[in-house]
Amino acid sequence: MNPEKIQLRKSIVKLRKKNKSQTEIAYLLDVPQTVVSYWIRRYKTTECLADMPRSGKPAKLSKAQLEEVKKELNGISPERYGGESIGWITKSAIDYIFSKYGVKYSMRRMQELFHELGLNLITPRSEHYNASKLARNSFRDEFKKNFKKSIWISPSLILMKQHSD
């Protein structure tokens, strides 16, 4: 639990006990008036300022496993796992996680995980409107002819590609 949050909530309740209005409290503490209203009401009913447990389905991977996956997806080239490019195709990442952890993700959830893990989606194009002839030729050498799949790559690889051109 964040001690700063608890301190803010205690300040709200303390100021309210000194007969300050919600608007004054919001102004003094530089928080929205709705936050002040919520914590005053919540304190009156429960007399508790701590966060309540959240409901919801537990994550399929633990935080440690998710950190491991992040390192692997950012650092390991997918060619080792049957990949076809420098980045990860959504299906190959699903297969990789299933083979390593026994966890099956849907396509959409895997895409959300890519975003959470800091990977960027790029769509290969044969020509970019600002691309030079050299960049176009290096693209053709790097990707298969008629390769139409979008791939997920680490931001460090994008920067590396830009600096090498």
Foldseek 3Di string as FASTA:
>chain_A
DDVVQLVLLVQLCVVVVVVDDLVVSCVVSVHDSVVSVVSNVVCVVPVDSDDDDDDDDDDPDDPVVLVVLLCCQAPPACVVQVDQARFAFLVSSQVVCCVVPVDGDDSVVSVVSLVVSQWDKDWDDLDDPPDDPVRSVVSPVRHDVPDGTIGTYHPVVVVVVVVVD
